[in-house]
Amino acid sequence: MTQLNFIEQGKRVLDIERQALTEIVQYLDENFNRACQLMYQCHGRIIVVGMGKSGHIGNKIAATLASTGTPAFFVHPGEASHGDLGMITRDDVVMLLSNSGETSEVLNIIPVIKRIGAKMIAMTGNPASSMAKWADAHVCIKVSQEACPLGLAPTASTTATLAMGDAIAVALLETRGFTADDFALSHPGGSLGKRLLLCLKDIMHSGDATPIINDKQCIKDALIEMSAKGLGMTAIVDDKNQLAGLFTDGDLRRILELRVDIHSTLISTVMTRSCTTATADMLAAEALNIMENKRINGLIVIDDNQHPIGALNMQDLLKAGVL
């Protein structure tokens, strides 16, 4: 088989799966709304159940729900029949996944779920199936064909199920008013955790490493301080140690074009007075957003009394894994 055949087959699969996603938009109806309401009003957990490929998709749906403000976990239907049904309480909502809606391992545990008193949501490709009939809400994920040319391997149907799960999770996220701070609490690890949880106090240069001079000093003194601290800027403070302004490498280039005497000119005459500042408790991701929007390379960190207590630049965010 030539490379061209691989590419053409790949395009065919993606076309079929793209069409499947277009088809399931019609199922964002009152049934979808009912399912979301049951999950939103749930006082327990969302228990996702599925067998085979539906189980793999169910694992991901449960993980997405849990990380976006809807506590959830996955239970394998085979293990459920051998003790794991004890994880389910009457306060929970059980989401059953099956393309046919007739998966025996899932059907076998429905009577027990009913007896426990938990609500059930079925997500199937067959609105007339047993699961659909017995559930408190049914979300249809029917697709016209699988991407597998034999029509056997779950492909387009699992894509549709996963996408519908994302639609539910995000709808619940928005309804709950879930914020970036909430998201950060469940994602403390890796680069994502750094972007969301790291504060400026964790990465800023502080103490003697903070570039600071008095507004009575000259431009020459600012250059010496900037060279010593290596941040490409220095804070300028008044006699009360309050931030009066900022002087940066960019400011230096501009004044050199004007042939200003750096040995005698006071820094207060050339500094930027209304400079952008940050606080120590500000999230690093928020500081990055400010710097990108303002098109600046650094920030002075101040306390409640307008005293400079630290500084950082883009290189610090890059080293910390935020950028």
Protein backbone atom coordinates (compact mmCIF):
# COMPACT_ATOMS: atom_id res chain seq x y z
CA MET A 1 0.00 0.00 0.00
CA THR A 2 1.41 3.38 -0.96
CA GLN A 3 1.65 6.44 1.25
CA LEU A 4 -1.06 8.09 -0.82
CA ASN A 5 -3.50 5.32 0.16
CA PHE A 6 -2.78 5.88 3.84
CA ILE A 7 -3.47 9.57 3.47
CA GLU A 8 -6.68 9.05 1.53
CA GLN A 9 -7.94 6.49 4.04
CA GLY A 10 -7.11 8.86 6.88
CA LYS A 11 -9.05 11.67 5.21
CA ARG A 12 -12.01 9.35 4.70
CA VAL A 13 -12.07 8.47 8.40
CA LEU A 14 -11.90 12.10 9.49
CA ASP A 15 -14.66 13.04 7.05
CA ILE A 16 -16.94 10.35 8.48
CA GLU A 17 -16.20 11.35 12.07
CA ARG A 18 -16.68 15.03 11.24
CA GLN A 19 -20.08 14.15 9.77
CA ALA A 20 -20.93 12.18 12.92
CA LEU A 21 -20.33 15.26 15.07
CA THR A 22 -22.56 17.28 12.75
CA GLU A 23 -25.31 14.66 13.07
CA ILE A 24 -25.43 14.61 16.88
CA VAL A 25 -26.03 18.35 17.15
CA GLN A 26 -29.73 17.54 16.65
CA TYR A 27 -29.70 15.64 19.95
CA LEU A 28 -28.94 18.75 21.98
CA ASP A 29 -32.59 18.85 22.87
CA GLU A 30 -34.87 18.56 25.91
CA ASN A 31 -33.41 15.14 26.71
CA PHE A 32 -29.92 16.66 26.83
CA ASN A 33 -31.28 19.45 29.01
CA ARG A 34 -32.90 16.91 31.37
CA ALA A 35 -29.65 14.97 31.71
CA CYS A 36 -27.71 18.14 32.53
CA GLN A 37 -30.33 19.15 35.11
CA LEU A 38 -30.09 15.78 36.86
CA MET A 39 -26.32 16.10 37.06
CA TYR A 40 -26.43 19.73 38.15
CA GLN A 41 -28.87 18.91 40.95
CA CYS A 42 -26.92 15.81 42.04
CA HIS A 43 -25.86 15.92 45.70
CA GLY A 44 -23.53 12.94 45.33
CA ARG A 45 -21.21 11.89 42.51
CA ILE A 46 -21.63 11.15 38.83
CA ILE A 47 -20.85 7.46 38.29
CA VAL A 48 -19.94 6.68 34.67
CA VAL A 49 -20.39 3.06 33.54
CA GLY A 50 -19.44 1.52 30.21
CA MET A 51 -18.09 -1.71 28.73
CA GLY A 52 -15.31 -2.13 26.14
CA LYS A 53 -14.64 0.96 24.03
CA SER A 54 -17.55 2.73 25.72
CA GLY A 55 -15.76 2.09 28.98
CA HIS A 56 -12.59 3.76 27.74
CA ILE A 57 -14.64 6.75 26.63
CA GLY A 58 -16.47 6.68 29.97
CA ASN A 59 -13.17 6.93 31.83
CA LYS A 60 -12.33 10.09 29.94
CA ILE A 61 -15.80 11.61 30.44
CA ALA A 62 -15.58 10.96 34.18
CA ALA A 63 -12.13 12.57 34.29
CA THR A 64 -13.35 15.63 32.39
CA LEU A 65 -16.36 16.04 34.68
CA ALA A 66 -14.20 15.70 37.80
CA SER A 67 -11.69 18.29 36.63
CA THR A 68 -14.36 20.83 35.70
CA GLY A 69 -16.37 21.02 38.89
CA THR A 70 -18.62 17.95 38.71
CA PRO A 71 -17.31 15.20 41.04
CA ALA A 72 -17.28 11.94 39.08
CA PHE A 73 -15.56 8.59 38.71
CA PHE A 74 -15.74 5.55 36.46
CA VAL A 75 -16.99 2.09 37.52
CA HIS A 76 -16.45 -0.96 35.32
CA PRO A 77 -19.75 -2.86 35.00
CA GLY A 78 -18.03 -6.22 35.46
CA GLU A 79 -16.42 -5.10 38.71
CA ALA A 80 -19.71 -3.47 39.73
CA SER A 81 -21.36 -6.91 39.74
CA HIS A 82 -18.68 -8.14 42.12
CA GLY A 83 -18.76 -5.51 44.83
CA ASP A 84 -18.17 -2.11 43.24
CA LEU A 85 -21.90 -1.35 43.25
CA GLY A 86 -21.22 -0.49 46.88
CA MET A 87 -19.67 2.75 45.58
CA ILE A 88 -23.07 3.95 44.41
CA THR A 89 -25.53 5.73 46.74
CA ARG A 90 -29.04 7.08 46.30
CA ASP A 91 -27.59 10.61 46.05
CA ASP A 92 -25.57 9.74 42.94
CA VAL A 93 -26.41 9.93 39.25
CA VAL A 94 -25.28 6.99 37.13
CA MET A 95 -24.39 7.61 33.48
CA LEU A 96 -24.64 4.44 31.38
CA LEU A 97 -22.75 4.34 28.06
CA SER A 98 -23.53 1.87 25.29
CA ASN A 99 -23.89 2.41 21.57
CA SER A 100 -26.44 -0.40 21.24
CA GLY A 101 -28.10 0.28 24.57
CA GLU A 102 -28.23 -3.48 25.11
CA THR A 103 -24.81 -4.28 26.59
CA SER A 104 -25.52 -7.19 28.93
CA GLU A 105 -22.91 -6.31 31.56
CA VAL A 106 -24.51 -2.88 31.96
CA LEU A 107 -28.10 -4.13 31.82
CA ASN A 108 -27.37 -6.60 34.63
CA ILE A 109 -26.66 -3.86 37.16
CA ILE A 110 -29.61 -1.59 36.30
CA PRO A 111 -32.06 -3.35 38.69
CA VAL A 112 -29.65 -2.82 41.59
CA ILE A 113 -29.16 0.84 40.68
CA LYS A 114 -32.94 1.21 40.61
CA ARG A 115 -33.20 -0.41 44.03
CA ILE A 116 -30.48 1.86 45.44
CA GLY A 117 -32.52 4.82 44.24
CA ALA A 118 -29.86 6.59 42.15
CA LYS A 119 -30.96 8.45 39.05
CA MET A 120 -29.82 7.08 35.69
CA ILE A 121 -28.79 8.76 32.46
CA ALA A 122 -28.30 6.57 29.38
CA MET A 123 -26.17 7.70 26.47
CA THR A 124 -26.82 5.35 23.54
CA GLY A 125 -27.25 5.26 19.80
CA ASN A 126 -30.67 3.58 20.11
CA PRO A 127 -33.54 5.56 21.67
CA ALA A 128 -35.66 2.37 21.67
CA SER A 129 -33.12 0.33 23.61
CA SER A 130 -33.61 -1.13 27.09
CA MET A 131 -31.19 1.35 28.63
CA ALA A 132 -32.95 4.28 27.03
CA LYS A 133 -36.34 3.08 28.32
CA TRP A 134 -35.22 2.44 31.89
CA ALA A 135 -33.15 5.61 32.31
CA ASP A 136 -34.47 8.84 33.82
CA ALA A 137 -32.96 10.69 30.85
CA HIS A 138 -31.62 9.47 27.53
CA VAL A 139 -29.05 11.33 25.44
CA CYS A 140 -28.87 10.04 21.90
CA ILE A 141 -25.48 9.68 20.16
CA LYS A 142 -26.70 7.85 17.04
CA VAL A 143 -24.46 8.16 13.97
CA SER A 144 -25.17 7.04 10.42
CA GLN A 145 -21.98 4.99 10.00
CA GLU A 146 -18.74 3.95 11.63
CA ALA A 147 -15.44 4.99 10.11
CA CYS A 148 -14.40 1.33 10.11
CA PRO A 149 -15.12 0.02 6.56
CA LEU A 150 -16.46 -3.20 8.11
CA GLY A 151 -18.87 -1.21 10.24
CA LEU A 152 -17.66 -3.14 13.29
CA ALA A 153 -14.96 -1.23 15.19
CA PRO A 154 -16.41 1.59 17.31
CA THR A 155 -14.97 4.73 15.73
CA ALA A 156 -17.43 7.46 14.77
CA SER A 157 -19.79 6.34 17.54
CA THR A 158 -17.13 6.64 20.24
CA THR A 159 -16.10 10.03 18.88
CA ALA A 160 -19.72 11.15 19.11
CA THR A 161 -20.00 9.81 22.68
CA LEU A 162 -16.83 11.60 23.76
CA ALA A 163 -17.97 14.87 22.18
CA MET A 164 -21.39 14.63 23.83
CA GLY A 165 -19.66 14.01 27.16
CA ASP A 166 -17.60 17.16 26.63
CA ALA A 167 -20.76 19.09 25.80
CA ILE A 168 -22.34 18.01 29.09
CA ALA A 169 -19.20 18.74 31.13
CA VAL A 170 -18.74 22.23 29.72
CA ALA A 171 -22.44 23.06 30.00
CA LEU A 172 -22.25 22.13 33.69
CA LEU A 173 -18.99 24.07 34.12
CA GLU A 174 -20.55 27.26 32.80
CA THR A 175 -23.74 26.80 34.82
CA ARG A 176 -21.72 26.35 38.02
CA GLY A 177 -19.67 29.46 37.33
CA PHE A 178 -16.50 27.36 37.49
CA THR A 179 -13.42 29.63 37.40
CA ALA A 180 -9.75 29.29 36.50
CA ASP A 181 -8.93 29.26 40.21
CA ASP A 182 -11.33 26.34 40.72
CA PHE A 183 -9.72 24.56 37.77
CA ALA A 184 -6.27 25.10 39.27
CA LEU A 185 -7.18 23.26 42.47
CA SER A 186 -7.64 20.00 40.57
CA HIS A 187 -4.61 20.51 38.28
CA PRO A 188 -1.64 21.20 40.57
CA GLY A 189 0.84 19.05 38.67
CA GLY A 190 2.94 19.60 35.55
CA SER A 191 3.13 22.68 33.35
CA LEU A 192 -0.62 23.23 33.64
CA GLY A 193 -0.29 23.41 37.41
CA LYS A 194 2.52 25.91 37.09
CA ARG A 195 0.45 28.13 34.85
CA LEU A 196 -2.52 28.03 37.17
CA LEU A 197 -1.14 27.85 40.71
CA LEU A 198 2.23 29.59 40.68
CA CYS A 199 2.17 33.05 42.28
CA LEU A 200 4.61 35.89 41.67
CA LYS A 201 5.99 35.58 45.21
CA ASP A 202 7.24 32.12 44.18
CA ILE A 203 9.35 33.35 41.25
CA MET A 204 10.02 37.09 41.67
CA HIS A 205 13.40 38.58 42.53
CA SER A 206 13.11 40.01 46.03
CA GLY A 207 15.22 41.57 48.79
CA ASP A 208 18.63 42.73 47.58
CA ALA A 209 17.93 41.22 44.16
CA THR A 210 15.19 43.79 43.52
CA PRO A 211 16.47 46.69 41.33
CA ILE A 212 15.69 49.95 43.19
CA ILE A 213 17.13 53.48 43.23
CA ASN A 214 15.97 56.79 44.71
CA ASP A 215 14.36 59.45 42.51
CA LYS A 216 17.11 61.90 43.56
CA GLN A 217 19.74 59.81 41.81
CA CYS A 218 20.94 60.21 38.24
CA ILE A 219 20.45 58.12 35.12
CA LYS A 220 23.97 56.76 35.55
CA ASP A 221 22.96 55.24 38.89
CA ALA A 222 19.96 53.59 37.26
CA LEU A 223 22.20 52.00 34.63
CA ILE A 224 24.54 50.65 37.29
CA GLU A 225 21.59 49.16 39.22
CA MET A 226 20.09 47.64 36.08
CA SER A 227 23.41 46.07 35.12
CA ALA A 228 23.90 44.67 38.62
CA LYS A 229 20.43 43.13 38.91
CA GLY A 230 20.09 42.00 35.28
CA LEU A 231 16.35 42.49 34.82
CA GLY A 232 16.46 45.23 32.21
CA MET A 233 14.72 47.71 34.50
CA THR A 234 14.77 49.36 37.89
CA ALA A 235 12.11 50.68 40.23
CA ILE A 236 12.35 54.33 41.25
CA VAL A 237 11.23 55.20 44.79
CA ASP A 238 10.69 58.46 46.67
CA ASP A 239 11.97 59.33 50.14
CA LYS A 240 9.11 57.27 51.69
CA ASN A 241 10.25 54.23 49.72
CA GLN A 242 7.04 54.31 47.70
CA LEU A 243 7.13 53.52 44.00
CA ALA A 244 7.50 56.73 42.01
CA GLY A 245 8.24 55.27 38.60
CA LEU A 246 10.09 52.77 36.43
CA PHE A 247 13.10 52.98 34.14
CA THR A 248 13.76 50.29 31.52
CA ASP A 249 16.16 49.41 28.71
CA GLY A 250 13.60 50.86 26.31
CA ASP A 251 13.64 54.18 28.18
CA LEU A 252 17.42 54.20 27.96
CA ARG A 253 17.41 53.78 24.18
CA ARG A 254 14.96 56.64 23.83
CA ILE A 255 16.95 59.11 25.94
CA LEU A 256 20.23 58.23 24.22
CA GLU A 257 18.68 59.37 20.96
CA LEU A 258 18.07 62.74 22.65
CA ARG A 259 21.73 62.97 23.77
CA VAL A 260 20.78 63.35 27.43
CA ASP A 261 23.68 63.59 29.90
CA ILE A 262 23.35 60.43 31.98
CA HIS A 263 25.79 61.72 34.62
CA SER A 264 23.84 64.80 35.61
CA THR A 265 20.22 64.21 34.59
CA LEU A 266 17.96 63.08 37.44
CA ILE A 267 16.21 59.78 36.84
CA SER A 268 12.92 61.39 37.93
CA THR A 269 12.90 63.51 34.77
CA VAL A 270 12.97 60.54 32.38
CA MET A 271 11.32 57.69 34.28
CA THR A 272 7.87 56.32 33.47
CA ARG A 273 5.61 57.50 36.28
CA SER A 274 2.38 55.59 35.62
CA CYS A 275 3.90 52.14 35.33
CA THR A 276 2.10 48.81 35.46
CA THR A 277 2.61 46.93 38.72
CA ALA A 278 1.71 43.58 40.25
CA THR A 279 1.19 42.07 43.69
CA ALA A 280 2.99 39.13 45.27
CA ASP A 281 -0.18 36.99 45.44
CA MET A 282 -1.02 37.51 41.75
CA LEU A 283 -1.01 34.30 39.71
CA ALA A 284 1.94 34.04 37.35
CA ALA A 285 -0.48 33.28 34.50
CA GLU A 286 -2.29 36.56 35.20
CA ALA A 287 1.02 38.46 35.18
CA LEU A 288 1.89 36.87 31.84
CA ASN A 289 -1.45 38.01 30.43
CA ILE A 290 -0.81 41.58 31.64
CA MET A 291 2.69 41.67 30.16
CA GLU A 292 1.49 40.34 26.82
CA ASN A 293 -1.45 42.76 26.62
CA LYS A 294 0.66 45.75 27.69
CA ARG A 295 3.57 44.62 25.51
CA ILE A 296 6.03 45.01 28.35
CA ASN A 297 8.89 42.75 29.38
CA GLY A 298 8.83 43.15 33.15
CA LEU A 299 6.82 44.03 36.25
CA ILE A 300 7.56 45.63 39.59
CA VAL A 301 5.82 43.89 42.49
CA ILE A 302 4.52 46.19 45.24
CA ASP A 303 2.88 45.71 48.63
CA ASP A 304 -0.23 47.42 50.02
CA ASN A 305 1.81 50.52 50.89
CA GLN A 306 3.13 50.94 47.35
CA HIS A 307 6.60 49.77 48.42
CA PRO A 308 8.49 47.74 45.78
CA ILE A 309 9.13 44.25 47.16
CA GLY A 310 10.16 42.39 44.03
CA ALA A 311 10.52 42.33 40.27
CA LEU A 312 10.39 39.84 37.42
CA ASN A 313 10.59 39.67 33.65
CA MET A 314 9.57 37.35 30.84
CA GLN A 315 12.68 35.24 31.33
CA ASP A 316 11.56 34.43 34.87
CA LEU A 317 8.17 33.26 33.60
CA LEU A 318 9.89 31.18 30.94
CA LYS A 319 12.21 29.52 33.48
CA ALA A 320 9.25 28.77 35.74
CA GLY A 321 7.43 26.99 32.91
CA VAL A 322 4.59 29.52 32.77
CA LEU A 323 5.38 30.84 29.31
